């Protein structure tokens, strides 16, 4: 299974559902590691240093910074970008499937948009 870093404003109901299903081997919140007010590049750098895929709803800036990291040849373990309007159950289902079916290597350097 893959490990995640949860962005500051990510829906906690989705996270709770993933935990209840046992689909997460490791989950770290940005607020728990002192990154609650950090910039997007700082969060992506920390995620890369820990090998964590970022769970976020931020469609405006995260993809730009993630793609810039890849273009610069920097590590980018991946981003799972979940649409804010996606129903919670659907988000849990799709993220569970992705966490179960994808390897960490398959997520590297990719921004994956949900719904799939």
N, C-alpha and C. Protein backbone atom coordinates (compact mmCIF):
# COMPACT_ATOMS: atom_id res chain seq x y z
N UNK A 1 0.84 -1.19 0.00
CA UNK A 1 0.00 0.00 0.00
C UNK A 1 0.88 1.25 0.00
N UNK A 2 0.29 2.33 -0.40
CA UNK A 2 1.02 3.58 -0.48
C UNK A 2 0.75 4.43 0.76
N UNK A 3 1.64 5.39 1.02
CA UNK A 3 1.55 6.25 2.20
C UNK A 3 1.23 7.68 1.77
N UNK A 4 0.49 8.38 2.62
CA UNK A 4 -0.02 9.70 2.27
C UNK A 4 0.38 10.79 3.24
N UNK A 5 0.49 12.00 2.70
CA UNK A 5 0.54 13.24 3.46
C UNK A 5 -0.77 13.96 3.15
N UNK A 6 -1.52 14.31 4.19
CA UNK A 6 -2.83 14.94 4.01
C UNK A 6 -2.68 16.45 4.11
N UNK A 7 -3.10 17.17 3.07
CA UNK A 7 -3.02 18.62 3.01
C UNK A 7 -3.93 19.25 4.08
N UNK A 8 -3.64 20.48 4.42
CA UNK A 8 -4.31 21.18 5.52
C UNK A 8 -5.84 21.17 5.43
N UNK A 9 -6.39 21.44 4.29
CA UNK A 9 -7.84 21.57 4.17
C UNK A 9 -8.51 20.35 3.55
N UNK A 10 -7.82 19.22 3.57
CA UNK A 10 -8.41 18.01 3.00
C UNK A 10 -9.54 17.51 3.90
N UNK A 11 -10.58 17.01 3.28
CA UNK A 11 -11.79 16.57 4.00
C UNK A 11 -11.50 15.42 4.95
N UNK A 12 -11.68 15.68 6.24
CA UNK A 12 -11.40 14.66 7.26
C UNK A 12 -12.35 13.47 7.18
N UNK A 13 -13.55 13.66 6.65
CA UNK A 13 -14.49 12.54 6.50
C UNK A 13 -13.94 11.51 5.51
N UNK A 14 -13.27 12.01 4.47
CA UNK A 14 -12.66 11.10 3.50
C UNK A 14 -11.52 10.33 4.17
N UNK A 15 -10.69 11.04 4.91
CA UNK A 15 -9.57 10.40 5.61
C UNK A 15 -10.09 9.34 6.58
N UNK A 16 -11.11 9.69 7.35
CA UNK A 16 -11.69 8.74 8.30
C UNK A 16 -12.20 7.48 7.59
N UNK A 17 -12.85 7.66 6.44
CA UNK A 17 -13.34 6.52 5.68
C UNK A 17 -12.22 5.63 5.19
N UNK A 18 -11.12 6.22 4.75
CA UNK A 18 -9.97 5.44 4.29
C UNK A 18 -9.36 4.65 5.45
N UNK A 19 -9.29 5.29 6.60
CA UNK A 19 -8.74 4.61 7.78
C UNK A 19 -9.63 3.44 8.18
N UNK A 20 -10.95 3.67 8.21
CA UNK A 20 -11.88 2.61 8.59
C UNK A 20 -11.78 1.41 7.65
N UNK A 21 -11.52 1.66 6.39
CA UNK A 21 -11.40 0.56 5.43
C UNK A 21 -10.04 -0.12 5.49
N UNK A 22 -9.12 0.45 6.24
CA UNK A 22 -7.79 -0.14 6.35
C UNK A 22 -6.97 -0.02 5.09
N UNK A 23 -7.26 1.03 4.30
CA UNK A 23 -6.60 1.18 3.00
C UNK A 23 -5.35 2.05 3.05
N UNK A 24 -4.95 2.46 4.25
CA UNK A 24 -3.80 3.35 4.35
C UNK A 24 -2.77 2.70 5.27
N UNK A 25 -1.56 2.55 4.75
CA UNK A 25 -0.49 1.98 5.58
C UNK A 25 0.13 3.08 6.44
N UNK A 26 0.19 4.27 5.91
CA UNK A 26 0.74 5.41 6.65
C UNK A 26 0.00 6.66 6.23
N UNK A 27 -0.36 7.45 7.21
CA UNK A 27 -1.06 8.70 6.94
C UNK A 27 -0.52 9.76 7.89
N UNK A 28 -0.05 10.87 7.33
CA UNK A 28 0.49 11.96 8.12
C UNK A 28 -0.24 13.23 7.71
N UNK A 29 -0.70 14.00 8.68
CA UNK A 29 -1.32 15.30 8.40
C UNK A 29 -0.25 16.38 8.42
N UNK A 30 -0.36 17.35 7.53
CA UNK A 30 0.60 18.46 7.53
C UNK A 30 0.62 19.17 8.87
N UNK A 31 -0.54 19.29 9.51
CA UNK A 31 -0.61 19.98 10.80
C UNK A 31 0.17 19.25 11.89
N UNK A 32 0.32 17.92 11.76
CA UNK A 32 1.02 17.14 12.77
C UNK A 32 2.54 17.23 12.65
N UNK A 33 3.02 17.75 11.53
CA UNK A 33 4.47 17.87 11.33
C UNK A 33 4.90 19.33 11.18
N UNK A 34 4.03 20.24 11.64
CA UNK A 34 4.38 21.66 11.64
C UNK A 34 4.31 22.34 10.29
N UNK A 35 3.56 21.78 9.36
CA UNK A 35 3.48 22.36 8.01
C UNK A 35 2.10 22.95 7.69
N UNK A 36 1.27 23.19 8.70
CA UNK A 36 -0.09 23.68 8.47
C UNK A 36 -0.12 24.99 7.70
N UNK A 37 0.85 25.86 7.95
CA UNK A 37 0.87 27.16 7.28
C UNK A 37 1.98 27.23 6.23
N UNK A 38 2.56 26.10 5.88
CA UNK A 38 3.68 26.07 4.93
C UNK A 38 3.20 26.31 3.51
N UNK A 39 4.12 26.78 2.69
CA UNK A 39 3.83 27.00 1.28
C UNK A 39 3.70 25.65 0.57
N UNK A 40 3.04 25.67 -0.58
CA UNK A 40 2.88 24.45 -1.37
C UNK A 40 4.23 23.81 -1.73
N UNK A 41 5.21 24.60 -2.20
CA UNK A 41 6.50 23.97 -2.51
C UNK A 41 7.16 23.31 -1.29
N UNK A 42 6.99 23.91 -0.12
CA UNK A 42 7.55 23.34 1.11
C UNK A 42 6.86 22.01 1.44
N UNK A 43 5.55 21.98 1.29
CA UNK A 43 4.79 20.75 1.55
C UNK A 43 5.20 19.66 0.57
N UNK A 44 5.32 20.00 -0.70
CA UNK A 44 5.73 19.00 -1.69
C UNK A 44 7.16 18.52 -1.44
N UNK A 45 8.03 19.41 -1.01
CA UNK A 45 9.41 19.02 -0.69
C UNK A 45 9.43 18.05 0.49
N UNK A 46 8.64 18.36 1.52
CA UNK A 46 8.60 17.48 2.70
C UNK A 46 8.01 16.12 2.32
N UNK A 47 6.94 16.13 1.54
CA UNK A 47 6.34 14.87 1.09
C UNK A 47 7.36 14.04 0.32
N UNK A 48 8.13 14.69 -0.55
CA UNK A 48 9.15 13.98 -1.32
C UNK A 48 10.23 13.41 -0.40
N UNK A 49 10.63 14.17 0.61
CA UNK A 49 11.68 13.70 1.52
C UNK A 49 11.22 12.47 2.32
N UNK A 50 9.92 12.33 2.50
CA UNK A 50 9.35 11.22 3.26
C UNK A 50 8.77 10.12 2.38
N UNK A 51 8.73 10.36 1.06
CA UNK A 51 8.16 9.39 0.13
C UNK A 51 6.65 9.27 0.24
N UNK A 52 5.97 10.38 0.56
CA UNK A 52 4.52 10.37 0.76
C UNK A 52 3.79 11.02 -0.41
N UNK A 53 2.68 10.44 -0.80
CA UNK A 53 1.82 11.00 -1.83
C UNK A 53 0.91 12.03 -1.15
N UNK A 54 0.80 13.20 -1.74
CA UNK A 54 -0.02 14.26 -1.16
C UNK A 54 -1.48 14.09 -1.54
N UNK A 55 -2.36 14.07 -0.52
CA UNK A 55 -3.81 14.10 -0.72
C UNK A 55 -4.24 15.55 -0.59
N UNK A 56 -4.88 16.09 -1.61
CA UNK A 56 -5.24 17.51 -1.58
C UNK A 56 -6.51 17.76 -2.37
N UNK A 57 -7.11 18.90 -2.11
CA UNK A 57 -8.23 19.42 -2.91
C UNK A 57 -7.78 20.63 -3.74
N UNK A 58 -6.53 21.04 -3.59
CA UNK A 58 -6.02 22.29 -4.18
C UNK A 58 -5.70 22.13 -5.66
N UNK A 59 -6.69 22.40 -6.50
CA UNK A 59 -6.51 22.31 -7.95
C UNK A 59 -5.82 23.55 -8.53
N UNK A 60 -5.81 24.62 -7.76
CA UNK A 60 -5.31 25.89 -8.28
C UNK A 60 -3.78 25.95 -8.32
N UNK A 61 -3.10 25.53 -7.25
CA UNK A 61 -1.65 25.74 -7.21
C UNK A 61 -0.82 24.45 -7.11
N UNK A 62 -1.32 23.44 -6.43
CA UNK A 62 -0.51 22.23 -6.23
C UNK A 62 -0.06 21.61 -7.55
N UNK A 63 -0.94 21.44 -8.56
CA UNK A 63 -0.46 20.83 -9.80
C UNK A 63 0.69 21.62 -10.45
N UNK A 64 0.63 22.93 -10.39
CA UNK A 64 1.70 23.74 -10.98
C UNK A 64 3.04 23.45 -10.30
N UNK A 65 3.03 23.45 -8.98
CA UNK A 65 4.26 23.21 -8.24
C UNK A 65 4.73 21.76 -8.39
N UNK A 66 3.80 20.82 -8.45
CA UNK A 66 4.17 19.42 -8.62
C UNK A 66 4.82 19.20 -9.99
N UNK A 67 4.22 19.76 -11.03
CA UNK A 67 4.80 19.61 -12.37
C UNK A 67 6.14 20.34 -12.47
N UNK A 68 6.30 21.44 -11.79
CA UNK A 68 7.58 22.16 -11.78
C UNK A 68 8.67 21.31 -11.13
N UNK A 69 8.32 20.59 -10.07
CA UNK A 69 9.29 19.69 -9.43
C UNK A 69 9.75 18.62 -10.41
N UNK A 70 8.79 18.04 -11.12
CA UNK A 70 9.13 16.99 -12.09
C UNK A 70 10.01 17.56 -13.19
N UNK A 71 9.64 18.73 -13.72
CA UNK A 71 10.43 19.35 -14.79
C UNK A 71 11.84 19.68 -14.35
N UNK A 72 12.01 19.99 -13.06
CA UNK A 72 13.33 20.33 -12.53
C UNK A 72 14.12 19.09 -12.12
N UNK A 73 13.54 17.91 -12.30
CA UNK A 73 14.22 16.68 -11.95
C UNK A 73 14.24 16.39 -10.46
N UNK A 74 13.34 17.04 -9.72
CA UNK A 74 13.24 16.82 -8.27
C UNK A 74 12.26 15.67 -7.99
N UNK A 75 12.46 15.03 -6.86
CA UNK A 75 11.58 13.93 -6.47
C UNK A 75 10.16 14.45 -6.29
N UNK A 76 9.19 13.66 -6.76
CA UNK A 76 7.78 14.00 -6.58
C UNK A 76 7.02 12.68 -6.50
N UNK A 77 6.77 12.19 -5.26
CA UNK A 77 6.15 10.88 -5.08
C UNK A 77 4.75 10.77 -5.64
N UNK A 78 4.09 11.90 -5.89
CA UNK A 78 2.76 11.88 -6.47
C UNK A 78 1.79 12.76 -5.71
N UNK A 79 0.71 13.09 -6.39
CA UNK A 79 -0.36 13.90 -5.82
C UNK A 79 -1.67 13.24 -6.20
N UNK A 80 -2.54 13.05 -5.22
CA UNK A 80 -3.92 12.63 -5.47
C UNK A 80 -4.78 13.85 -5.22
N UNK A 81 -5.34 14.39 -6.29
CA UNK A 81 -6.11 15.62 -6.22
C UNK A 81 -7.59 15.30 -6.34
N UNK A 82 -8.31 15.51 -5.25
CA UNK A 82 -9.72 15.13 -5.17
C UNK A 82 -10.59 16.37 -5.32
N UNK A 83 -11.53 16.30 -6.25
CA UNK A 83 -12.47 17.40 -6.48
C UNK A 83 -13.30 17.63 -5.22
N UNK A 84 -13.42 18.90 -4.81
CA UNK A 84 -14.21 19.27 -3.63
C UNK A 84 -15.68 18.86 -3.75
N UNK A 85 -16.20 18.82 -4.96
CA UNK A 85 -17.61 18.51 -5.18
C UNK A 85 -17.90 17.02 -5.27
N UNK A 86 -16.87 16.21 -5.18
CA UNK A 86 -17.04 14.77 -5.28
C UNK A 86 -17.71 14.26 -4.00
N UNK A 87 -18.74 13.43 -4.13
CA UNK A 87 -19.37 12.86 -2.94
C UNK A 87 -18.34 12.10 -2.09
N UNK A 88 -18.47 12.19 -0.78
CA UNK A 88 -17.49 11.60 0.14
C UNK A 88 -17.36 10.10 -0.09
N UNK A 89 -18.47 9.41 -0.21
CA UNK A 89 -18.40 7.95 -0.41
C UNK A 89 -17.67 7.61 -1.71
N UNK A 90 -17.93 8.35 -2.76
CA UNK A 90 -17.25 8.10 -4.03
C UNK A 90 -15.75 8.36 -3.89
N UNK A 91 -15.39 9.44 -3.18
CA UNK A 91 -13.98 9.74 -2.97
C UNK A 91 -13.29 8.61 -2.20
N UNK A 92 -13.94 8.12 -1.16
CA UNK A 92 -13.39 7.01 -0.38
C UNK A 92 -13.23 5.77 -1.26
N UNK A 93 -14.26 5.46 -2.05
CA UNK A 93 -14.20 4.29 -2.94
C UNK A 93 -13.05 4.40 -3.93
N UNK A 94 -12.94 5.54 -4.59
CA UNK A 94 -11.92 5.69 -5.63
C UNK A 94 -10.51 5.75 -5.04
N UNK A 95 -10.35 6.45 -3.92
CA UNK A 95 -9.04 6.49 -3.28
C UNK A 95 -8.64 5.13 -2.73
N UNK A 96 -9.62 4.39 -2.19
CA UNK A 96 -9.35 3.03 -1.71
C UNK A 96 -8.86 2.14 -2.84
N UNK A 97 -9.54 2.23 -3.97
CA UNK A 97 -9.15 1.43 -5.13
C UNK A 97 -7.73 1.81 -5.58
N UNK A 98 -7.47 3.10 -5.66
CA UNK A 98 -6.14 3.55 -6.09
C UNK A 98 -5.06 3.11 -5.10
N UNK A 99 -5.34 3.26 -3.80
CA UNK A 99 -4.36 2.87 -2.78
C UNK A 99 -4.10 1.37 -2.83
N UNK A 100 -5.11 0.59 -3.16
CA UNK A 100 -4.98 -0.86 -3.22
C UNK A 100 -4.29 -1.33 -4.51
N UNK A 101 -4.58 -0.67 -5.61
CA UNK A 101 -4.13 -1.15 -6.92
C UNK A 101 -2.81 -0.55 -7.40
N UNK A 102 -2.48 0.64 -6.94
CA UNK A 102 -1.28 1.31 -7.44
C UNK A 102 -0.11 1.10 -6.50
N UNK A 103 1.07 1.03 -7.08
CA UNK A 103 2.29 0.99 -6.28
C UNK A 103 2.83 2.41 -6.16
N UNK A 104 3.73 2.60 -5.21
CA UNK A 104 4.36 3.91 -5.05
C UNK A 104 5.08 4.31 -6.34
N UNK A 105 5.71 3.36 -7.01
CA UNK A 105 6.41 3.67 -8.26
C UNK A 105 5.47 4.16 -9.35
N UNK A 106 4.25 3.62 -9.39
CA UNK A 106 3.29 4.03 -10.40
C UNK A 106 2.76 5.45 -10.15
N UNK A 107 2.90 5.94 -8.94
CA UNK A 107 2.40 7.28 -8.58
C UNK A 107 3.46 8.36 -8.75
N UNK A 108 4.73 7.97 -8.82
CA UNK A 108 5.82 8.94 -8.91
C UNK A 108 5.65 9.85 -10.12
N UNK A 109 5.84 11.15 -9.86
CA UNK A 109 5.84 12.19 -10.90
C UNK A 109 4.49 12.37 -11.57
N UNK A 110 3.42 11.93 -10.91
CA UNK A 110 2.08 12.00 -11.51
C UNK A 110 1.12 12.74 -10.58
N UNK A 111 0.30 13.61 -11.16
CA UNK A 111 -0.82 14.20 -10.45
C UNK A 111 -2.04 13.44 -10.95
N UNK A 112 -2.70 12.73 -10.03
CA UNK A 112 -3.87 11.93 -10.38
C UNK A 112 -5.10 12.67 -9.91
N UNK A 113 -6.03 12.90 -10.83
CA UNK A 113 -7.25 13.65 -10.53
C UNK A 113 -8.39 12.70 -10.23
N UNK A 114 -9.11 13.00 -9.16
CA UNK A 114 -10.31 12.24 -8.76
C UNK A 114 -11.50 13.17 -8.82
N UNK A 115 -12.64 12.76 -9.42
CA UNK A 115 -12.94 11.40 -9.83
C UNK A 115 -12.11 10.98 -11.04
N UNK A 116 -11.88 9.65 -11.06
CA UNK A 116 -11.09 9.06 -12.16
C UNK A 116 -11.83 9.16 -13.46
